[in-house]
Amino acid sequence: MGKKKEETTEEQALSLEEAFAQIEEVIESLESEEITLEESFAQYHRGMDLLAQCNETIDRVEKKVLKINEDGGLDDF
């Protein structure tokens, strides 16, 4: 149980670029012909966790983005 908490903390500390790089590694390992079924499930779960983190990061950034309204002022996106 402690290991899962460490993984979650580690994944949250990743930048978007680092998370994308790790997702690419997961995809490469899943494409390997030598991966076992158990390993593929673990890698799939890791990849989905990384994707969820990326989605959360992107959502936070989108909420901070401002757009210019017709009057030249700024509105929240």
N, C-alpha and C. Protein backbone atom coordinates (compact mmCIF):
# COMPACT_ATOMS: atom_id res chain seq x y z
N MET A 1 0.81 -1.18 0.00
CA MET A 1 0.00 0.00 0.00
C MET A 1 0.86 1.25 0.00
N GLY A 2 1.95 1.26 0.72
CA GLY A 2 2.86 2.39 0.74
C GLY A 2 3.50 2.63 -0.60
N LYS A 3 3.74 1.55 -1.35
CA LYS A 3 4.36 1.68 -2.65
C LYS A 3 3.46 2.45 -3.61
N LYS A 4 2.17 2.18 -3.58
CA LYS A 4 1.22 2.88 -4.45
C LYS A 4 1.23 4.37 -4.15
N LYS A 5 1.30 4.73 -2.87
CA LYS A 5 1.32 6.14 -2.49
C LYS A 5 2.58 6.81 -3.02
N GLU A 6 3.72 6.12 -2.95
CA GLU A 6 4.97 6.67 -3.48
C GLU A 6 4.88 6.87 -4.97
N GLU A 7 4.30 5.90 -5.69
CA GLU A 7 4.16 6.02 -7.14
C GLU A 7 3.27 7.20 -7.49
N THR A 8 2.19 7.37 -6.79
CA THR A 8 1.27 8.48 -7.05
C THR A 8 1.98 9.81 -6.84
N THR A 9 2.73 9.94 -5.76
CA THR A 9 3.47 11.16 -5.48
C THR A 9 4.51 11.42 -6.55
N GLU A 10 5.21 10.37 -6.95
CA GLU A 10 6.24 10.50 -7.99
C GLU A 10 5.62 10.94 -9.30
N GLU A 11 4.49 10.33 -9.69
CA GLU A 11 3.84 10.67 -10.95
C GLU A 11 3.33 12.10 -10.93
N GLN A 12 2.83 12.57 -9.77
CA GLN A 12 2.32 13.92 -9.69
C GLN A 12 3.44 14.94 -9.83
N ALA A 13 4.66 14.57 -9.50
CA ALA A 13 5.79 15.48 -9.57
C ALA A 13 6.32 15.60 -11.00
N LEU A 14 5.87 14.76 -11.91
CA LEU A 14 6.36 14.78 -13.28
C LEU A 14 5.82 15.98 -14.04
N SER A 15 6.67 16.53 -14.90
CA SER A 15 6.18 17.56 -15.81
C SER A 15 5.39 16.87 -16.92
N LEU A 16 4.67 17.63 -17.68
CA LEU A 16 3.89 17.08 -18.78
C LEU A 16 4.80 16.37 -19.78
N GLU A 17 5.94 16.96 -20.07
CA GLU A 17 6.89 16.36 -21.01
C GLU A 17 7.43 15.05 -20.49
N GLU A 18 7.74 15.00 -19.18
CA GLU A 18 8.25 13.76 -18.58
C GLU A 18 7.18 12.67 -18.61
N ALA A 19 5.95 13.05 -18.34
CA ALA A 19 4.85 12.07 -18.37
C ALA A 19 4.66 11.53 -19.78
N PHE A 20 4.71 12.40 -20.78
CA PHE A 20 4.58 11.94 -22.17
C PHE A 20 5.73 11.00 -22.54
N ALA A 21 6.94 11.31 -22.09
CA ALA A 21 8.08 10.44 -22.37
C ALA A 21 7.87 9.06 -21.73
N GLN A 22 7.35 9.04 -20.51
CA GLN A 22 7.11 7.76 -19.85
C GLN A 22 5.98 7.00 -20.53
N ILE A 23 4.99 7.70 -21.04
CA ILE A 23 3.91 7.05 -21.79
C ILE A 23 4.48 6.38 -23.03
N GLU A 24 5.40 7.06 -23.71
CA GLU A 24 6.05 6.47 -24.88
C GLU A 24 6.80 5.20 -24.52
N GLU A 25 7.47 5.20 -23.36
CA GLU A 25 8.18 4.01 -22.89
C GLU A 25 7.19 2.87 -22.63
N VAL A 26 6.05 3.20 -22.04
CA VAL A 26 5.03 2.19 -21.77
C VAL A 26 4.55 1.59 -23.09
N ILE A 27 4.30 2.42 -24.07
CA ILE A 27 3.82 1.95 -25.37
C ILE A 27 4.85 1.02 -26.00
N GLU A 28 6.13 1.43 -25.95
CA GLU A 28 7.18 0.58 -26.51
C GLU A 28 7.23 -0.77 -25.82
N SER A 29 7.09 -0.78 -24.49
CA SER A 29 7.14 -2.06 -23.78
C SER A 29 5.92 -2.92 -24.12
N LEU A 30 4.76 -2.29 -24.31
CA LEU A 30 3.57 -3.05 -24.68
C LEU A 30 3.67 -3.62 -26.09
N GLU A 31 4.43 -2.96 -26.95
CA GLU A 31 4.60 -3.44 -28.32
C GLU A 31 5.62 -4.57 -28.40
N SER A 32 6.37 -4.79 -27.34
CA SER A 32 7.38 -5.84 -27.32
C SER A 32 6.71 -7.22 -27.38
N GLU A 33 7.31 -8.10 -28.13
CA GLU A 33 6.78 -9.46 -28.22
C GLU A 33 7.16 -10.30 -27.00
N GLU A 34 8.10 -9.83 -26.21
CA GLU A 34 8.60 -10.58 -25.08
C GLU A 34 7.89 -10.26 -23.76
N ILE A 35 6.93 -9.36 -23.77
CA ILE A 35 6.26 -8.95 -22.54
C ILE A 35 5.22 -10.02 -22.15
N THR A 36 5.15 -10.30 -20.86
CA THR A 36 4.17 -11.27 -20.38
C THR A 36 2.82 -10.59 -20.22
N LEU A 37 1.80 -11.40 -20.06
CA LEU A 37 0.46 -10.86 -19.89
C LEU A 37 0.37 -10.04 -18.61
N GLU A 38 0.98 -10.55 -17.53
CA GLU A 38 0.98 -9.82 -16.26
C GLU A 38 1.69 -8.47 -16.39
N GLU A 39 2.84 -8.48 -17.05
CA GLU A 39 3.59 -7.24 -17.25
C GLU A 39 2.79 -6.26 -18.12
N SER A 40 2.10 -6.78 -19.12
CA SER A 40 1.34 -5.90 -20.00
C SER A 40 0.18 -5.24 -19.25
N PHE A 41 -0.47 -5.98 -18.34
CA PHE A 41 -1.52 -5.37 -17.51
C PHE A 41 -0.95 -4.27 -16.62
N ALA A 42 0.21 -4.54 -16.02
CA ALA A 42 0.85 -3.55 -15.15
C ALA A 42 1.25 -2.31 -15.95
N GLN A 43 1.81 -2.50 -17.13
CA GLN A 43 2.21 -1.38 -17.98
C GLN A 43 0.99 -0.59 -18.45
N TYR A 44 -0.06 -1.30 -18.80
CA TYR A 44 -1.29 -0.63 -19.23
C TYR A 44 -1.83 0.25 -18.10
N HIS A 45 -1.87 -0.30 -16.89
CA HIS A 45 -2.37 0.46 -15.74
C HIS A 45 -1.49 1.69 -15.50
N ARG A 46 -0.18 1.52 -15.59
CA ARG A 46 0.75 2.65 -15.42
C ARG A 46 0.50 3.71 -16.48
N GLY A 47 0.32 3.28 -17.71
CA GLY A 47 0.05 4.22 -18.80
C GLY A 47 -1.24 4.99 -18.59
N MET A 48 -2.27 4.30 -18.12
CA MET A 48 -3.55 4.97 -17.87
C MET A 48 -3.42 5.98 -16.73
N ASP A 49 -2.64 5.64 -15.70
CA ASP A 49 -2.40 6.59 -14.61
C ASP A 49 -1.67 7.83 -15.11
N LEU A 50 -0.68 7.61 -15.98
CA LEU A 50 0.06 8.74 -16.54
C LEU A 50 -0.85 9.61 -17.41
N LEU A 51 -1.70 8.98 -18.21
CA LEU A 51 -2.64 9.73 -19.04
C LEU A 51 -3.60 10.55 -18.18
N ALA A 52 -4.07 9.97 -17.10
CA ALA A 52 -4.97 10.70 -16.20
C ALA A 52 -4.25 11.91 -15.62
N GLN A 53 -2.99 11.74 -15.26
CA GLN A 53 -2.21 12.87 -14.74
C GLN A 53 -2.06 13.95 -15.80
N CYS A 54 -1.79 13.56 -17.04
CA CYS A 54 -1.65 14.53 -18.13
C CYS A 54 -2.96 15.29 -18.33
N ASN A 55 -4.07 14.57 -18.31
CA ASN A 55 -5.38 15.22 -18.48
C ASN A 55 -5.64 16.23 -17.38
N GLU A 56 -5.30 15.87 -16.14
CA GLU A 56 -5.50 16.80 -15.02
C GLU A 56 -4.63 18.05 -15.19
N THR A 57 -3.39 17.85 -15.60
CA THR A 57 -2.48 18.97 -15.80
C THR A 57 -3.00 19.89 -16.90
N ILE A 58 -3.42 19.31 -18.00
CA ILE A 58 -3.94 20.10 -19.12
C ILE A 58 -5.21 20.84 -18.70
N ASP A 59 -6.09 20.17 -17.95
CA ASP A 59 -7.30 20.84 -17.46
C ASP A 59 -6.96 22.05 -16.60
N ARG A 60 -5.97 21.90 -15.70
CA ARG A 60 -5.57 23.02 -14.84
C ARG A 60 -5.05 24.18 -15.68
N VAL A 61 -4.26 23.87 -16.69
CA VAL A 61 -3.70 24.92 -17.55
C VAL A 61 -4.82 25.61 -18.33
N GLU A 62 -5.75 24.83 -18.86
CA GLU A 62 -6.86 25.41 -19.62
C GLU A 62 -7.66 26.38 -18.77
N LYS A 63 -7.83 26.06 -17.51
CA LYS A 63 -8.59 26.95 -16.63
C LYS A 63 -7.86 28.25 -16.37
N LYS A 64 -6.55 28.25 -16.53
CA LYS A 64 -5.77 29.46 -16.28
C LYS A 64 -5.63 30.33 -17.54
N VAL A 65 -5.92 29.74 -18.69
CA VAL A 65 -5.76 30.47 -19.96
C VAL A 65 -6.81 31.57 -20.03
N LEU A 66 -6.39 32.71 -20.49
CA LEU A 66 -7.30 33.85 -20.67
C LEU A 66 -7.53 34.08 -22.16
N LYS A 67 -8.72 34.55 -22.48
CA LYS A 67 -8.99 34.91 -23.87
C LYS A 67 -9.36 36.39 -23.93
N ILE A 68 -9.11 36.98 -25.07
CA ILE A 68 -9.42 38.39 -25.27
C ILE A 68 -10.87 38.51 -25.72
N ASN A 69 -11.65 39.33 -25.03
CA ASN A 69 -13.04 39.51 -25.43
C ASN A 69 -13.14 40.61 -26.48
N GLU A 70 -14.35 40.88 -26.94
CA GLU A 70 -14.57 41.84 -28.02
C GLU A 70 -14.13 43.25 -27.64
N ASP A 71 -14.16 43.60 -26.35
CA ASP A 71 -13.79 44.93 -25.90
C ASP A 71 -12.28 45.06 -25.68
N GLY A 72 -11.53 44.02 -25.93
CA GLY A 72 -10.09 44.07 -25.72
C GLY A 72 -9.68 43.69 -24.31
N GLY A 73 -10.65 43.36 -23.47
CA GLY A 73 -10.36 42.92 -22.10
C GLY A 73 -10.06 41.43 -22.07
N LEU A 74 -9.69 40.95 -20.92
CA LEU A 74 -9.39 39.54 -20.76
C LEU A 74 -10.48 38.86 -19.96
N ASP A 75 -10.90 37.69 -20.44
CA ASP A 75 -11.87 36.86 -19.74
C ASP A 75 -11.23 35.49 -19.48
N ASP A 76 -11.68 34.85 -18.40
CA ASP A 76 -11.21 33.49 -18.16
C ASP A 76 -11.70 32.60 -19.27
N PHE A 77 -10.90 31.63 -19.63
CA PHE A 77 -11.23 30.67 -20.67
C PHE A 77 -12.26 29.71 -20.18
